[in-house]
Amino acid sequence: MSGGASGRPKGGLHTPARGDADDSLPTSPERSKMEFTKNLTRVTALALGIAGVLAYGDVHAAAFQLKENSVKAQGRAMAGSASAKGDASVVVNNPAMMSTFTDKTFQADVTAIDLSFEFTGGGTAAAGTALQQPLRGGDGGDAGDIAAVPAMSFILPLSDQFEYVTLGAMISAPFGLKTDYESDWVGRYHALESDVKIVDLTLAASLELSDRASVGLGVIYEHADVTLTNAVDFGAGVCRVAVALCVTPNPVAAPFGPQKNDGVAGISGTDNSFGWLAGISLRPTDKLSLGYSYRSEIDHELRGTATFEVPANVRGVLGNAIYKPTDGGGAKLTTPATHTFSATYQATERFAIMAEGVHTGWDSLKEIRIEFDNPLQADAVENYDWHDSWFYSLGGEFALNDRFTLRAGIARDESPVARAHRTPRMPDEDRNWYSLGLSWNVSDNLELNASYVRLELADKPEIDLLSSSGSRLVGQYDGGANLFGVSMQYKF
């Protein structure tokens, strides 16, 4: 992403890999400041922030995905979301299924996500140096929060000469997260606040090829809004380039040192971009429905503002040319492509079983590179080695009578993130879904749905992360989530 910075000189600065030591001595005060800036920008800016967010956007979906666009499908652990009839969320889950609707249909879904994450562990500041010391602070409290994920959809079957065409529109949130740690926790140099909102407007159309087959195509308009903050150990950074300031008259009484001169860095950015989706629905018999849907990658060029709160004594050493209180910056971000394979089998008049597999192409995330408007601040780069992941689910529903239907499902959601790339923004791990759901057909036109999902981590995620300012965080997380969903569907 140019981010307003393409073509600008980089000053020949080299950004060492995370954890690399730099034993070279500065030859001038200005070079020392630039070396200090070069190291700390890597831990304070959007690279660490967004990369951390991507490492685990939500406990209830792989990486930073949100699957909560259908309360009815959630009751089956999302099994059959691209093949089952009667759910207007197919606008985004498989637009080809819109052809199975014969009435104009409006649907509104909302899911309350009660997320919990608690850290146990510690670490060291200025790790590997003569000034190494234990990290001070608490465990950060419960970093999770309660958040609502809404979705709204509308399906319009056409008539007359266009009777084989069905149109649809939907607003949904396919990615996002919100976590917040206490400001003085031991991992403050890696994460404080993470707030990511990605909202889609999808417009789609389906074409009925026959009574047994249909295809669909849609366009996605996506808005991304990211805000991230973390603390900065400016004291440890000063010690790297001016050791005398940290040991004179002695390390305890010196004006600078690890954890003595903390500041705060923040980044916010937005972007709008386009993507597309396509699907096919095959209904070879009255009992069997098969679906396939593809959602494209969407490329974002986030552009926003970086803020730095720097202690006055640190500013006296660095001057005002670097770590400006407000600066501009940007980064590229690509949301992944997905392939969804779905099946629904109506075993009896009252009982149906569903299965689904979703492949997510997380290899779209190669690196996060942040460019700043200030030429004294080098690009911040974090490299990642993510692998593609799968989501598997199996569910079913049983009609008690003409008014009430029960649902249940289980799922396994794989993590794409290796241990080396976990961050406190939210540590990723495989997770299991356990779902229940209920539908109430109030009338021929009105249907109400409710669901409950419990998500549990398959294991306690361990973290061992070294920041470029020398803070090493070691520990593990204990977490999970409860999802409570309600929806309304009205046909007219």
Protein backbone atom coordinates (compact mmCIF):
# COMPACT_ATOMS: atom_id res chain seq x y z
CA MET A 1 0.00 0.00 0.00
CA SER A 2 1.30 3.37 -0.88
CA GLY A 3 -0.48 4.91 2.09
CA GLY A 4 0.73 8.29 0.89
CA ALA A 5 4.29 7.10 1.30
CA SER A 6 5.16 5.40 -1.98
CA GLY A 7 8.32 6.64 -3.55
CA ARG A 8 9.52 8.39 -0.42
CA PRO A 9 13.11 7.74 0.74
CA LYS A 10 13.59 5.12 3.42
CA GLY A 11 16.94 6.42 4.54
CA GLY A 12 18.61 3.07 3.92
CA LEU A 13 17.33 1.75 7.23
CA HIS A 14 17.24 -2.00 7.78
CA THR A 15 14.55 -3.41 10.07
CA PRO A 16 15.93 -6.47 11.87
CA ALA A 17 13.79 -9.56 12.36
CA ARG A 18 11.85 -9.79 15.59
CA GLY A 19 14.16 -10.78 18.39
CA ASP A 20 17.38 -10.08 16.44
CA ALA A 21 20.07 -8.30 18.41
CA ASP A 22 21.76 -5.16 17.06
CA ASP A 23 25.21 -4.84 18.55
CA SER A 24 26.31 -1.93 16.37
CA LEU A 25 27.05 1.36 18.16
CA PRO A 26 25.54 4.65 16.94
CA THR A 27 27.98 7.04 15.38
CA SER A 28 25.93 10.15 16.12
CA PRO A 29 22.94 11.28 18.20
CA GLU A 30 20.81 11.51 15.06
CA ARG A 31 21.72 7.98 13.99
CA SER A 32 20.91 6.75 17.49
CA LYS A 33 17.48 8.31 17.31
CA MET A 34 16.83 6.77 13.92
CA GLU A 35 17.99 3.33 15.09
CA PHE A 36 15.75 3.65 18.15
CA THR A 37 12.82 4.65 15.96
CA LYS A 38 13.53 1.81 13.54
CA ASN A 39 13.30 -0.77 16.32
CA LEU A 40 10.31 0.55 18.20
CA THR A 41 8.07 1.24 15.20
CA ARG A 42 7.98 -2.48 14.58
CA VAL A 43 6.28 -3.12 17.91
CA THR A 44 4.14 -0.02 18.20
CA ALA A 45 2.46 0.28 14.83
CA LEU A 46 -0.16 -1.28 12.67
CA ALA A 47 1.99 -4.26 11.69
CA LEU A 48 1.92 -5.80 15.15
CA GLY A 49 -1.62 -4.61 15.65
CA ILE A 50 -3.28 -5.97 12.56
CA ALA A 51 -1.13 -9.07 12.49
CA GLY A 52 -2.16 -9.77 16.06
CA VAL A 53 -5.78 -9.27 15.16
CA LEU A 54 -5.50 -11.65 12.24
CA ALA A 55 -3.85 -14.17 14.50
CA TYR A 56 -7.13 -14.62 16.34
CA GLY A 57 -10.00 -12.36 15.64
CA ASP A 58 -12.55 -14.33 17.59
CA VAL A 59 -12.64 -17.46 19.68
CA HIS A 60 -15.71 -18.64 17.80
CA ALA A 61 -14.35 -18.71 14.24
CA ALA A 62 -11.01 -19.48 12.61
CA ALA A 63 -8.62 -16.54 12.81
CA PHE A 64 -10.68 -13.34 12.54
CA GLN A 65 -13.77 -14.75 10.82
CA LEU A 66 -17.30 -14.25 12.11
CA LYS A 67 -19.74 -16.97 11.05
CA GLU A 68 -22.71 -15.50 12.90
CA ASN A 69 -24.93 -14.44 10.00
CA SER A 70 -27.78 -16.93 10.62
CA VAL A 71 -29.32 -17.86 13.96
CA LYS A 72 -31.12 -20.79 12.34
CA ALA A 73 -27.85 -22.22 10.96
CA GLN A 74 -26.07 -21.57 14.27
CA GLY A 75 -28.51 -23.97 15.92
CA ARG A 76 -26.98 -26.66 13.66
CA ALA A 77 -23.36 -25.45 14.16
CA MET A 78 -23.65 -23.84 10.67
CA ALA A 79 -24.20 -27.24 9.02
CA GLY A 80 -26.32 -26.84 5.89
CA SER A 81 -25.92 -23.07 5.72
CA ALA A 82 -25.33 -23.32 1.94
CA SER A 83 -27.84 -26.09 1.16
CA ALA A 84 -30.83 -25.94 3.55
CA LYS A 85 -34.04 -24.24 2.44
CA GLY A 86 -35.91 -21.51 4.26
CA ASP A 87 -32.98 -19.37 5.49
CA ALA A 88 -32.57 -15.93 3.89
CA SER A 89 -28.90 -15.75 4.93
CA VAL A 90 -28.17 -17.78 1.77
CA VAL A 91 -27.72 -14.37 0.12
CA VAL A 92 -24.13 -14.57 1.43
CA ASN A 93 -23.82 -18.28 2.26
CA ASN A 94 -24.88 -19.50 -1.21
CA PRO A 95 -26.77 -17.09 -3.48
CA ALA A 96 -27.89 -19.96 -5.73
CA MET A 97 -30.25 -21.12 -2.95
CA MET A 98 -32.28 -17.92 -3.31
CA SER A 99 -34.11 -19.61 -6.19
CA THR A 100 -35.83 -21.90 -3.68
CA PHE A 101 -37.79 -18.92 -2.26
CA THR A 102 -41.24 -18.26 -3.67
CA ASP A 103 -42.18 -15.28 -1.44
CA LYS A 104 -40.60 -11.95 -0.70
CA THR A 105 -38.73 -12.54 2.56
CA PHE A 106 -37.16 -10.27 5.15
CA GLN A 107 -34.93 -11.67 7.88
CA ALA A 108 -33.15 -10.03 10.82
CA ASP A 109 -30.59 -11.88 12.97
CA VAL A 110 -28.59 -10.77 15.99
CA THR A 111 -26.10 -12.79 18.04
CA ALA A 112 -24.73 -11.72 21.41
CA ILE A 113 -21.18 -13.04 21.83
CA ASP A 114 -19.97 -13.37 25.41
CA LEU A 115 -16.23 -13.84 24.96
CA SER A 116 -13.79 -14.63 27.77
CA PHE A 117 -9.98 -14.70 27.73
CA GLU A 118 -7.74 -14.79 30.79
CA PHE A 119 -3.93 -14.82 30.75
CA THR A 120 -1.63 -16.60 33.18
CA GLY A 121 2.11 -16.01 32.99
CA GLY A 122 4.77 -13.34 33.01
CA GLY A 123 7.97 -12.41 31.27
CA THR A 124 10.96 -10.13 31.20
CA ALA A 125 11.71 -6.60 30.06
CA ALA A 126 15.00 -5.91 28.26
CA ALA A 127 15.30 -9.67 27.78
CA GLY A 128 18.82 -10.94 27.17
CA THR A 129 20.55 -7.73 28.32
CA ALA A 130 22.35 -6.70 31.50
CA LEU A 131 19.25 -4.70 32.47
CA GLN A 132 16.87 -7.66 32.18
CA GLN A 133 14.13 -7.63 34.82
CA PRO A 134 10.74 -9.28 35.43
CA LEU A 135 7.77 -7.67 33.76
CA ARG A 136 5.63 -5.78 36.24
CA GLY A 137 1.85 -5.74 36.13
CA GLY A 138 -1.24 -7.86 36.47
CA ASP A 139 -2.81 -10.49 34.25
CA GLY A 140 -4.84 -7.95 32.29
CA GLY A 141 -8.23 -9.05 33.59
CA ASP A 142 -10.76 -10.68 31.30
CA ALA A 143 -9.82 -9.37 27.84
CA GLY A 144 -13.12 -10.50 26.37
CA ASP A 145 -16.35 -8.59 26.18
CA ILE A 146 -19.99 -8.93 25.17
CA ALA A 147 -20.63 -7.82 21.60
CA ALA A 148 -23.60 -8.01 19.27
CA VAL A 149 -23.23 -9.21 15.67
CA PRO A 150 -26.27 -8.23 13.55
CA ALA A 151 -27.32 -9.32 10.07
CA MET A 152 -30.24 -8.38 7.83
CA SER A 153 -31.30 -9.93 4.54
CA PHE A 154 -34.02 -9.51 1.92
CA ILE A 155 -34.97 -11.85 -0.91
CA LEU A 156 -37.16 -10.83 -3.87
CA PRO A 157 -38.36 -13.45 -6.38
CA LEU A 158 -39.21 -11.81 -9.70
CA SER A 159 -42.21 -12.66 -11.88
CA ASP A 160 -43.49 -12.73 -15.46
CA GLN A 161 -40.63 -12.86 -17.99
CA PHE A 162 -38.11 -12.79 -15.10
CA GLU A 163 -39.76 -15.52 -13.03
CA TYR A 164 -36.56 -17.61 -13.07
CA VAL A 165 -34.56 -14.79 -11.43
CA THR A 166 -34.40 -14.01 -7.71
CA LEU A 167 -32.67 -10.97 -6.22
CA GLY A 168 -31.22 -10.59 -2.75
CA ALA A 169 -29.49 -8.09 -0.49
CA MET A 170 -27.80 -8.57 2.88
CA ILE A 171 -25.84 -6.62 5.47
CA SER A 172 -23.48 -8.76 7.55
CA ALA A 173 -20.24 -8.69 9.55
CA PRO A 174 -17.91 -11.44 8.23
CA PHE A 175 -14.85 -10.40 10.26
CA GLY A 176 -14.16 -8.52 13.47
CA LEU A 177 -13.20 -8.50 17.12
CA LYS A 178 -13.07 -6.37 20.26
CA THR A 179 -10.74 -7.03 23.21
CA ASP A 180 -9.46 -4.72 25.92
CA TYR A 181 -6.74 -5.33 28.51
CA GLU A 182 -6.01 -3.36 31.67
CA SER A 183 -3.46 -0.63 30.95
CA ASP A 184 -0.83 -1.92 33.42
CA TRP A 185 -0.88 -5.63 32.56
CA VAL A 186 2.32 -7.57 31.90
CA GLY A 187 1.60 -7.86 28.19
CA ARG A 188 0.88 -4.15 27.65
CA TYR A 189 3.81 -3.82 25.22
CA HIS A 190 2.05 -6.27 22.90
CA ALA A 191 -1.61 -5.28 23.17
CA LEU A 192 -4.04 -3.03 25.01
CA GLU A 193 -7.15 -2.39 22.90
CA SER A 194 -8.14 -4.13 19.67
CA ASP A 195 -11.28 -3.03 17.88
CA VAL A 196 -11.88 -4.33 14.35
CA LYS A 197 -15.12 -3.88 12.44
CA ILE A 198 -15.62 -5.23 8.90
CA VAL A 199 -19.10 -4.84 7.46
CA ASP A 200 -20.41 -6.12 4.11
CA LEU A 201 -23.24 -5.06 1.87
CA THR A 202 -23.93 -7.93 -0.53
CA LEU A 203 -26.15 -7.68 -3.62
CA ALA A 204 -26.85 -10.99 -5.34
CA ALA A 205 -28.98 -12.67 -8.00
CA SER A 206 -29.82 -16.31 -8.70
CA LEU A 207 -31.00 -18.00 -11.85
CA GLU A 208 -33.12 -21.13 -11.78
CA LEU A 209 -31.81 -23.47 -14.48
CA SER A 210 -34.39 -26.16 -13.76
CA ASP A 211 -36.45 -27.51 -10.88
CA ARG A 212 -33.29 -29.27 -9.71
CA ALA A 213 -30.52 -26.73 -10.26
CA SER A 214 -29.75 -23.04 -9.87
CA VAL A 215 -26.73 -20.74 -9.87
CA GLY A 216 -26.03 -17.45 -8.12
CA LEU A 217 -23.67 -14.51 -8.30
CA GLY A 218 -23.14 -11.51 -6.07
CA VAL A 219 -21.02 -8.42 -5.48
CA ILE A 220 -19.69 -7.44 -2.05
CA TYR A 221 -19.05 -3.88 -0.89
CA GLU A 222 -16.90 -4.08 2.24
CA HIS A 223 -16.01 -1.43 4.83
CA ALA A 224 -13.09 -2.02 7.21
CA ASP A 225 -12.44 0.01 10.37
CA VAL A 226 -9.49 -0.83 12.65
CA THR A 227 -8.38 0.75 15.94
CA LEU A 228 -5.48 -0.72 17.95
CA THR A 229 -3.31 0.41 20.86
CA ASN A 230 -0.43 -0.91 22.94
CA ALA A 231 2.10 0.42 25.44
CA VAL A 232 5.69 1.22 24.41
CA ASP A 233 8.73 0.60 26.60
CA PHE A 234 10.57 3.76 25.58
CA GLY A 235 12.92 3.34 28.53
CA ALA A 236 14.25 0.03 27.22
CA GLY A 237 14.63 1.62 23.80
CA VAL A 238 16.71 4.49 25.16
CA CYS A 239 18.98 1.96 26.88
CA ARG A 240 19.69 0.35 23.54
CA VAL A 241 21.14 3.50 22.04
CA ALA A 242 22.39 5.39 25.11
CA VAL A 243 23.37 2.92 27.80
CA ALA A 244 24.91 5.62 30.03
CA LEU A 245 21.49 7.17 30.62
CA CYS A 246 20.30 3.89 32.13
CA VAL A 247 23.22 3.05 34.45
CA THR A 248 24.28 6.48 35.77
CA PRO A 249 24.51 7.01 38.69
CA ASN A 250 23.23 3.41 38.98
CA PRO A 251 20.55 1.32 37.28
CA VAL A 252 18.05 1.97 40.08
CA ALA A 253 18.43 5.76 40.23
CA ALA A 254 19.05 6.33 36.51
CA PRO A 255 16.42 8.49 34.77
CA PHE A 256 15.85 5.89 32.05
CA GLY A 257 15.46 2.14 32.04
CA PRO A 258 13.17 -0.76 31.24
CA GLN A 259 9.56 -0.09 32.36
CA LYS A 260 10.50 3.39 33.65
CA ASN A 261 9.39 5.45 30.66
CA ASP A 262 6.27 3.89 29.21
CA GLY A 263 4.26 5.53 26.47
CA VAL A 264 1.30 4.51 24.33
CA ALA A 265 1.01 4.02 20.59
CA GLY A 266 -2.26 3.84 18.68
CA ILE A 267 -3.29 3.31 15.10
CA SER A 268 -6.61 3.65 13.36
CA GLY A 269 -7.44 3.10 9.72
CA THR A 270 -10.37 2.60 7.35
CA ASP A 271 -10.96 1.45 3.80
CA ASN A 272 -13.75 0.45 1.41
CA SER A 273 -13.30 -2.23 -1.20
CA PHE A 274 -15.15 -4.74 -3.41
CA GLY A 275 -15.29 -8.51 -3.75
CA TRP A 276 -17.59 -11.11 -5.23
CA LEU A 277 -19.22 -14.45 -4.52
CA ALA A 278 -20.79 -17.24 -6.55
CA GLY A 279 -22.66 -20.46 -5.84
CA ILE A 280 -24.45 -23.46 -7.24
CA SER A 281 -27.34 -25.47 -5.85
CA LEU A 282 -28.17 -29.00 -6.99
CA ARG A 283 -31.29 -30.84 -5.79
CA PRO A 284 -31.02 -34.28 -7.46
CA THR A 285 -33.97 -35.68 -5.47
CA ASP A 286 -36.75 -34.28 -3.32
CA LYS A 287 -34.77 -35.33 -0.24
CA LEU A 288 -31.20 -34.29 -1.13
CA SER A 289 -29.84 -30.76 -1.55
CA LEU A 290 -26.19 -30.03 -2.39
CA GLY A 291 -24.55 -26.62 -2.35
CA TYR A 292 -21.22 -25.04 -3.21
CA SER A 293 -20.28 -21.40 -2.66
CA TYR A 294 -17.13 -19.38 -3.27
CA ARG A 295 -16.29 -16.02 -1.69
CA SER A 296 -13.38 -14.08 -3.15
CA GLU A 297 -10.45 -12.43 -1.42
CA ILE A 298 -10.98 -8.72 -0.77
CA ASP A 299 -7.97 -6.42 -0.85
CA HIS A 300 -7.94 -3.43 1.49
CA GLU A 301 -5.54 -0.52 1.64
CA LEU A 302 -6.12 0.77 5.14
CA ARG A 303 -5.30 4.40 5.57
CA GLY A 304 -5.38 6.24 8.88
CA THR A 305 -3.67 7.99 11.76
CA ALA A 306 -0.94 6.91 14.14
CA THR A 307 -0.65 8.56 17.57
CA PHE A 308 2.26 8.42 20.02
CA GLU A 309 2.17 9.43 23.68
CA VAL A 310 5.84 9.90 24.58
CA PRO A 311 7.09 10.84 28.10
CA ALA A 312 8.60 14.32 28.29
CA ASN A 313 12.07 13.11 29.32
CA VAL A 314 12.14 10.66 26.40
CA ARG A 315 11.04 13.44 24.06
CA GLY A 316 13.97 15.48 25.37
CA VAL A 317 16.33 12.75 24.19
CA LEU A 318 14.63 11.98 20.89
CA GLY A 319 13.50 15.44 19.89
CA ASN A 320 10.27 16.23 18.03
CA ALA A 321 11.21 14.92 14.58
CA ILE A 322 10.29 11.33 15.35
CA TYR A 323 7.32 9.81 17.14
CA LYS A 324 5.21 12.79 16.30
CA PRO A 325 2.06 13.01 18.43
CA THR A 326 0.05 12.49 15.24
CA ASP A 327 1.29 10.88 12.05
CA GLY A 328 -0.22 9.25 8.97
CA GLY A 329 0.24 5.68 7.87
CA GLY A 330 -1.31 2.75 6.10
CA ALA A 331 -1.13 -0.96 5.38
CA LYS A 332 -2.49 -3.56 3.01
CA LEU A 333 -4.86 -6.20 4.32
CA THR A 334 -6.45 -9.06 2.38
CA THR A 335 -9.41 -10.97 3.75
CA PRO A 336 -9.27 -14.64 2.71
CA ALA A 337 -11.20 -16.54 0.06
CA THR A 338 -13.51 -19.35 1.18
CA HIS A 339 -14.90 -22.51 -0.44
CA THR A 340 -18.06 -23.92 1.16
CA PHE A 341 -19.32 -27.47 0.50
CA SER A 342 -22.74 -28.22 1.96
CA ALA A 343 -25.35 -31.00 2.00
CA THR A 344 -28.84 -31.42 3.44
CA TYR A 345 -30.73 -34.72 3.49
CA GLN A 346 -34.41 -34.90 4.45
CA ALA A 347 -34.35 -38.37 5.98
CA THR A 348 -38.02 -38.37 6.99
CA GLU A 349 -40.88 -35.94 6.85
CA ARG A 350 -39.83 -34.52 10.22
CA PHE A 351 -36.08 -35.18 10.45
CA ALA A 352 -33.25 -33.71 8.34
CA ILE A 353 -29.48 -34.06 8.67
CA MET A 354 -26.91 -31.53 7.41
CA ALA A 355 -23.14 -31.45 6.91
CA GLU A 356 -20.74 -28.73 5.86
CA GLY A 357 -17.06 -28.15 5.15
CA VAL A 358 -15.49 -24.73 4.67
CA HIS A 359 -11.96 -24.22 3.34
CA THR A 360 -10.44 -20.82 4.12
CA GLY A 361 -7.39 -19.63 2.18
CA TRP A 362 -5.39 -17.95 4.90
CA ASP A 363 -2.27 -18.00 2.72
CA SER A 364 -3.50 -14.59 1.52
CA LEU A 365 -1.78 -13.22 4.62
CA LYS A 366 1.93 -13.18 3.77
CA GLU A 367 3.04 -10.11 5.66
CA ILE A 368 1.79 -6.87 7.15
CA ARG A 369 3.78 -3.84 6.06
CA ILE A 370 3.08 -0.38 7.45
CA GLU A 371 4.34 2.75 5.77
CA PHE A 372 4.44 6.02 7.68
CA ASP A 373 4.26 9.53 6.33
CA ASN A 374 7.20 10.49 8.55
CA PRO A 375 10.34 9.50 6.56
CA LEU A 376 12.33 9.06 9.80
CA GLN A 377 10.17 6.08 10.71
CA ALA A 378 11.03 2.99 8.73
CA ASP A 379 8.39 0.64 7.39
CA ALA A 380 7.20 -1.84 9.99
CA VAL A 381 7.08 -5.39 8.67
CA GLU A 382 5.86 -8.63 10.23
CA ASN A 383 6.16 -11.87 8.26
CA TYR A 384 3.70 -14.71 8.79
CA ASP A 385 3.52 -18.33 7.73
CA TRP A 386 -0.18 -19.12 7.88
CA HIS A 387 -1.70 -22.29 6.50
CA ASP A 388 -5.15 -22.84 5.05
CA SER A 389 -7.74 -24.22 7.46
CA TRP A 390 -10.98 -26.22 7.48
CA PHE A 391 -14.25 -25.92 9.36
CA TYR A 392 -16.28 -29.15 9.63
CA SER A 393 -19.82 -29.36 11.00
CA LEU A 394 -22.61 -31.89 11.38
CA GLY A 395 -26.12 -31.02 12.47
CA GLY A 396 -29.76 -31.90 12.26
CA GLU A 397 -33.26 -30.66 12.93
CA PHE A 398 -36.46 -32.34 14.03
CA ALA A 399 -39.93 -30.91 13.54
CA LEU A 400 -41.92 -31.55 16.70
CA ASN A 401 -45.08 -30.38 14.93
CA ASP A 402 -46.14 -27.74 12.45
CA ARG A 403 -45.12 -24.94 14.85
CA PHE A 404 -41.87 -25.97 16.55
CA THR A 405 -38.56 -27.35 15.23
CA LEU A 406 -35.55 -28.37 17.32
CA ARG A 407 -31.94 -28.20 16.10
CA ALA A 408 -28.52 -29.37 17.29
CA GLY A 409 -25.02 -29.59 15.88
CA ILE A 410 -21.32 -29.99 16.51
CA ALA A 411 -18.31 -28.58 14.66
CA ARG A 412 -14.54 -28.49 14.60
CA ASP A 413 -12.84 -25.25 13.59
CA GLU A 414 -9.14 -25.48 12.75
CA SER A 415 -6.68 -22.70 13.51
CA PRO A 416 -4.45 -21.45 10.66
CA VAL A 417 -1.87 -19.92 13.00
CA ALA A 418 1.32 -21.58 14.18
CA ARG A 419 2.40 -21.16 17.82
CA ALA A 420 5.25 -18.85 16.83
CA HIS A 421 2.76 -16.29 15.50
CA ARG A 422 0.31 -16.14 18.38
CA THR A 423 -0.07 -12.72 19.94
CA PRO A 424 -2.03 -11.32 22.91
CA ARG A 425 -4.40 -9.55 20.51
CA MET A 426 -6.01 -12.98 20.82
CA PRO A 427 -4.11 -16.28 20.80
CA ASP A 428 -5.44 -18.76 18.27
CA GLU A 429 -6.22 -22.42 18.81
CA ASP A 430 -8.50 -25.09 17.33
CA ARG A 431 -12.00 -24.91 18.77
CA ASN A 432 -15.13 -27.04 19.12
CA TRP A 433 -18.76 -25.96 18.63
CA TYR A 434 -21.76 -27.37 20.55
CA SER A 435 -25.05 -25.92 19.31
CA LEU A 436 -28.77 -25.97 20.05
CA GLY A 437 -31.61 -24.18 18.28
CA LEU A 438 -35.37 -23.72 18.16
CA SER A 439 -37.83 -22.36 15.59
CA TRP A 440 -41.39 -21.20 16.24
CA ASN A 441 -43.71 -20.75 13.27
CA VAL A 442 -45.96 -18.12 14.75
CA SER A 443 -48.03 -17.98 11.57
CA ASP A 444 -47.73 -18.83 7.89
CA ASN A 445 -45.81 -15.58 7.44
CA LEU A 446 -43.83 -15.10 10.67
CA GLU A 447 -41.06 -17.32 12.05
CA LEU A 448 -38.99 -16.75 15.19
CA ASN A 449 -35.66 -18.51 15.88
CA ALA A 450 -33.30 -18.82 18.82
CA SER A 451 -29.94 -20.55 19.24
CA TYR A 452 -27.26 -21.19 21.82
CA VAL A 453 -23.67 -22.10 20.98
CA ARG A 454 -20.87 -23.03 23.34
CA LEU A 455 -17.37 -22.73 21.95
CA GLU A 456 -14.44 -24.32 23.72
CA LEU A 457 -10.75 -24.24 22.87
CA ALA A 458 -9.29 -27.64 22.07
CA ASP A 459 -6.24 -26.77 24.18
CA LYS A 460 -4.92 -23.86 26.21
CA PRO A 461 -2.99 -21.63 23.78
CA GLU A 462 0.58 -21.01 24.85
CA ILE A 463 2.41 -17.84 23.94
CA ASP A 464 6.12 -16.97 23.86
CA LEU A 465 6.62 -13.65 22.12
CA LEU A 466 9.54 -11.21 22.00
CA SER A 467 8.95 -7.60 21.04
CA SER A 468 11.57 -5.52 19.27
CA SER A 469 11.80 -3.30 22.36
CA GLY A 470 13.00 -6.36 24.29
CA SER A 471 9.86 -7.41 26.16
CA ARG A 472 9.35 -11.17 26.29
CA LEU A 473 5.90 -12.45 27.26
CA VAL A 474 5.45 -16.12 28.23
CA GLY A 475 2.26 -17.81 29.40
CA GLN A 476 -1.01 -19.36 28.38
CA TYR A 477 -4.65 -18.45 27.96
CA ASP A 478 -7.88 -19.95 29.21
CA GLY A 479 -10.97 -18.91 27.31
CA GLY A 480 -14.19 -19.70 25.56
CA ALA A 481 -17.41 -18.11 24.36
CA ASN A 482 -21.17 -18.34 24.71
CA LEU A 483 -23.28 -17.24 21.75
CA PHE A 484 -26.94 -16.32 22.17
CA GLY A 485 -28.87 -15.68 18.96
CA VAL A 486 -32.40 -14.60 18.04
CA SER A 487 -33.91 -13.92 14.61
CA MET A 488 -37.14 -13.07 12.87
CA GLN A 489 -38.23 -14.01 9.35
CA TYR A 490 -41.28 -12.53 7.67
CA LYS A 491 -42.71 -13.54 4.30
CA PHE A 492 -45.06 -11.26 2.36
